[in-house]
Protein backbone atom coordinates (compact mmCIF):
# COMPACT_ATOMS: atom_id res chain seq x y z
CA MET A 1 8.95 10.58 -3.30
CA ARG A 2 12.16 11.45 -4.86
CA ASP A 3 10.87 15.04 -5.54
CA ALA A 4 10.25 15.88 -1.54
CA GLU A 5 11.87 19.27 -0.55
CA GLU A 6 11.26 18.19 3.18
CA ALA A 7 13.70 18.67 5.68
CA LEU A 8 15.09 15.56 7.26
CA PRO A 9 13.62 14.78 10.89
CA PRO A 10 15.84 16.05 13.92
CA ARG A 11 18.91 13.66 15.15
CA SER A 12 17.22 13.50 18.17
CA GLN A 13 14.05 11.37 16.08
CA LEU A 14 15.82 9.44 13.60
CA HIS A 15 19.86 8.49 14.02
CA TYR A 16 21.65 9.23 10.77
CA SER A 17 25.20 10.75 9.79
CA MET A 18 26.24 14.47 9.15
CA LYS A 19 28.30 12.96 6.67
CA GLU A 20 27.68 14.24 2.76
CA LYS A 21 25.96 10.66 0.79
CA GLU A 22 25.64 9.15 3.98
CA GLY A 23 22.98 8.77 6.35
CA VAL A 24 19.31 8.02 5.33
CA PHE A 25 18.74 4.52 3.77
CA GLN A 26 16.52 4.19 0.82
CA MET A 27 14.87 0.79 1.11
CA THR A 28 12.83 -0.27 -1.31
CA ILE A 29 10.87 -3.06 -1.20
CA SER A 30 11.21 -4.73 -5.14
CA THR A 31 9.24 -8.38 -4.59
CA ASN A 32 6.05 -9.39 -5.12
CA TYR A 33 2.75 -9.90 -2.44
CA ASP A 34 4.26 -13.87 -1.57
CA ASP A 35 7.69 -12.61 -0.55
CA ILE A 36 6.49 -10.27 1.88
CA GLY A 37 4.49 -12.94 3.51
CA GLY A 38 1.38 -13.56 0.96
CA TYR A 39 -1.86 -14.56 2.76
CA ASP A 40 0.35 -14.98 5.86
CA ILE A 41 0.61 -11.06 6.93
CA GLU A 42 -0.74 -10.43 10.26
CA VAL A 43 -1.91 -7.01 11.48
CA GLY A 44 -1.77 -5.68 15.12
CA GLN A 45 -0.05 -4.37 18.03
CA ARG A 46 2.20 -7.09 17.68
CA ALA A 47 3.01 -6.74 14.31
CA PHE A 48 3.48 -3.20 14.66
CA SER A 49 5.78 -3.70 17.01
CA ASN A 50 7.78 -6.18 15.55
CA CYS A 51 8.32 -3.59 12.39
CA HIS A 52 9.11 -0.85 15.05
CA ARG A 53 11.93 -3.08 16.47
CA SER A 54 13.46 -3.98 12.79
CA LEU A 55 13.53 -0.55 11.69
CA LEU A 56 15.35 0.35 14.92
CA MET A 57 17.75 -2.31 13.89
CA ALA A 58 17.85 -1.24 10.30
CA GLU A 59 21.49 0.69 10.45
CA ASP A 60 22.83 -2.53 11.73
CA LEU A 61 21.31 -4.30 9.35
CA VAL A 62 22.33 -2.11 6.64
CA THR A 63 26.04 -2.22 7.94
CA GLN A 64 25.72 -6.32 8.03
CA LYS A 65 24.80 -6.56 4.59
CA ARG A 66 21.43 -8.12 5.86
CA LEU A 67 19.23 -5.92 3.47
CA ARG A 68 16.85 -9.13 2.99
CA GLU A 69 15.41 -8.71 6.66
CA LEU A 70 14.67 -4.97 5.27
CA ASN A 71 12.44 -6.29 2.74
CA SER A 72 10.37 -8.95 3.95
CA GLY A 73 9.16 -10.44 7.08
CA PRO A 74 8.12 -7.72 9.99
CA LEU A 75 8.11 -4.71 7.36
CA SER A 76 5.50 -6.21 5.34
CA LEU A 77 3.05 -4.16 7.68
CA PRO A 78 3.90 -0.88 6.64
CA VAL A 79 3.95 -2.48 2.68
CA VAL A 80 0.01 -3.92 3.64
CA ALA A 81 -1.30 -1.19 5.96
CA ILE A 82 -0.39 1.79 3.84
CA SER A 83 0.50 1.38 0.17
CA GLU A 84 -2.26 -1.28 -0.35
CA SER A 85 -5.06 0.52 2.00
CA ILE A 86 -4.07 3.53 -0.31
CA ARG A 87 -4.93 1.44 -3.16
CA PHE A 88 -7.88 -0.56 -1.53
CA PRO A 89 -10.49 1.27 0.66
CA LEU A 90 -11.90 -1.90 1.53
CA LEU A 91 -8.46 -2.69 3.34
CA GLN A 92 -8.37 0.83 5.02
CA GLN A 93 -11.38 0.10 6.49
CA TRP A 94 -10.53 -3.21 7.67
CA VAL A 95 -6.57 -1.92 8.77
CA LEU A 96 -8.11 0.50 10.80
CA GLY A 97 -10.57 -1.45 12.55
CA THR A 98 -8.09 -3.59 13.19
CA PHE A 99 -5.68 -0.95 15.00
CA SER A 100 -8.53 0.88 16.39
CA ALA A 101 -9.86 -2.05 18.37
CA PRO A 102 -9.36 -1.94 22.18
CA PRO A 103 -6.58 -4.03 23.69
CA SER A 104 -8.06 -7.03 25.35
CA VAL A 105 -5.93 -9.97 27.40
CA ASN A 106 -7.20 -12.56 24.44
CA TYR A 107 -5.82 -10.37 21.75
CA GLN A 108 -5.06 -11.78 18.69
CA GLU A 109 -3.10 -10.24 15.74
CA LYS A 110 -5.45 -10.67 12.73
CA ARG A 111 -4.31 -12.01 9.43
CA VAL A 112 -5.30 -10.08 6.14
CA PRO A 113 -8.57 -11.98 4.97
CA GLN A 114 -7.66 -13.90 2.09
CA LYS A 115 -10.38 -12.20 -0.36
CA LEU A 116 -8.14 -8.93 0.48
CA SER A 117 -5.09 -10.56 -0.28
CA ASP A 118 -6.76 -12.07 -3.54
CA ASP A 119 -7.24 -8.24 -4.72
CA PHE A 120 -3.58 -7.31 -4.24
CA LYS A 121 -2.15 -9.65 -6.57
CA LYS A 122 -5.38 -8.68 -8.94
CA TRP A 123 -4.46 -4.88 -8.77
CA ALA A 124 -2.25 -4.57 -11.85
CA SER A 125 -5.32 -5.98 -13.81
CA TYR A 126 -7.86 -4.22 -12.62
CA SER A 127 -6.22 -1.11 -12.94
CA ARG A 128 -5.51 -1.79 -16.98
CA ALA A 129 -9.43 -3.00 -17.06
CA LEU A 130 -10.76 0.53 -16.17
CA VAL A 131 -8.32 2.12 -18.15
CA THR A 132 -8.41 0.03 -21.53
CA GLN A 133 -12.17 -0.97 -20.45
CA ASP A 134 -11.47 -4.84 -21.16
CA LEU A 135 -12.20 -7.02 -18.05
CA PRO A 136 -9.10 -9.65 -17.32
CA THR A 137 -9.65 -13.49 -18.39
CA ARG A 138 -11.74 -15.04 -16.36
CA CYS A 139 -12.89 -11.84 -14.05
CA GLU A 140 -16.18 -12.47 -12.86
CA LEU A 141 -16.45 -8.35 -11.96
CA THR A 142 -17.87 -5.73 -13.77
CA LEU A 143 -16.10 -2.43 -14.64
CA ALA A 144 -18.07 -0.84 -12.36
CA GLN A 145 -17.34 -3.43 -9.34
CA ILE A 146 -13.76 -3.09 -10.27
CA ALA A 147 -13.89 0.67 -10.04
CA GLU A 148 -15.87 0.10 -6.71
CA LYS A 149 -13.24 -1.77 -5.49
CA LEU A 150 -9.86 0.13 -6.08
CA GLY A 151 -12.40 3.31 -4.71
CA VAL A 152 -12.17 5.17 -8.32
CA LEU A 153 -15.32 7.12 -8.85
CA LYS A 154 -14.63 8.21 -12.55
CA TRP A 155 -12.86 5.65 -14.49
CA LYS A 156 -15.24 6.13 -17.82
CA ALA A 157 -13.46 6.48 -20.96
CA ASP A 158 -12.47 10.30 -20.96
CA TRP A 159 -9.44 9.25 -19.09
CA MET A 160 -8.13 8.52 -22.64
CA GLN A 161 -6.27 11.54 -23.54
CA HIS A 162 -7.99 11.00 -27.52
CA ALA A 163 -9.38 7.67 -28.63
CA GLY A 164 -7.21 5.04 -29.22
CA ALA A 165 -4.50 6.46 -26.49
CA ALA A 166 -2.23 3.54 -24.53
CA SER A 167 -2.37 5.36 -21.50
CA PRO A 168 -4.35 7.93 -19.57
CA SER A 169 -3.35 11.74 -19.02
CA PRO A 170 -1.75 12.06 -15.99
CA LYS A 171 -3.42 15.67 -15.80
CA ARG A 172 -6.74 14.12 -16.09
CA PHE A 173 -6.47 12.46 -12.61
CA LYS A 174 -7.59 14.11 -9.38
CA ASP A 175 -8.20 12.83 -5.94
CA VAL A 176 -11.82 12.58 -5.92
CA ARG A 177 -11.58 11.28 -2.31
CA SER A 178 -11.35 14.76 -1.06
CA GLN A 179 -14.75 15.54 -2.27
CA SER A 180 -18.09 15.35 -1.05
CA HIS A 181 -19.06 11.45 -0.65
CA SER A 182 -22.91 11.97 -0.67
CA HIS A 183 -23.10 10.49 -4.02
CA THR A 184 -20.69 7.50 -3.18
CA SER A 185 -23.63 5.94 -0.63
CA HIS A 186 -24.32 2.70 -0.87
């Protein structure tokens, strides 16, 4: 995101200092899944409201050096609902269904299903397996099942620049989700 060229939003929408080198605070979440709530992360309207309230308090928390509160708890919602949804299409479907459910008197937040949480923890292993074509130890999935779980349509050896390459060529990656999905029906 450091190469973004977009202008800052209007001060009426986001209060920030006009002084040089002050203003927008870059919050990095350099933690693991367990540190942001792990298997207890809830998604829903209340979680969204708590996240929004925490973001509104960000300036005070930064000033008071209470950054830990900005890196976990209520702010786990964007990490899970946005970042993890990008990596896992099944989670994206679940999150969209959770947020689009009509409000009811008996509405309850929904905890992220354990199966999806397990996948979050295995994402690096899954990704490495697709690139190296070598399944992780004790993995019960095939490479094709891992690719489907991650929403990867092309995972074959043509990712490699040449035989034995340690990493895939970034020029070979493309967003295949924008193409016709007629061939991805199950």
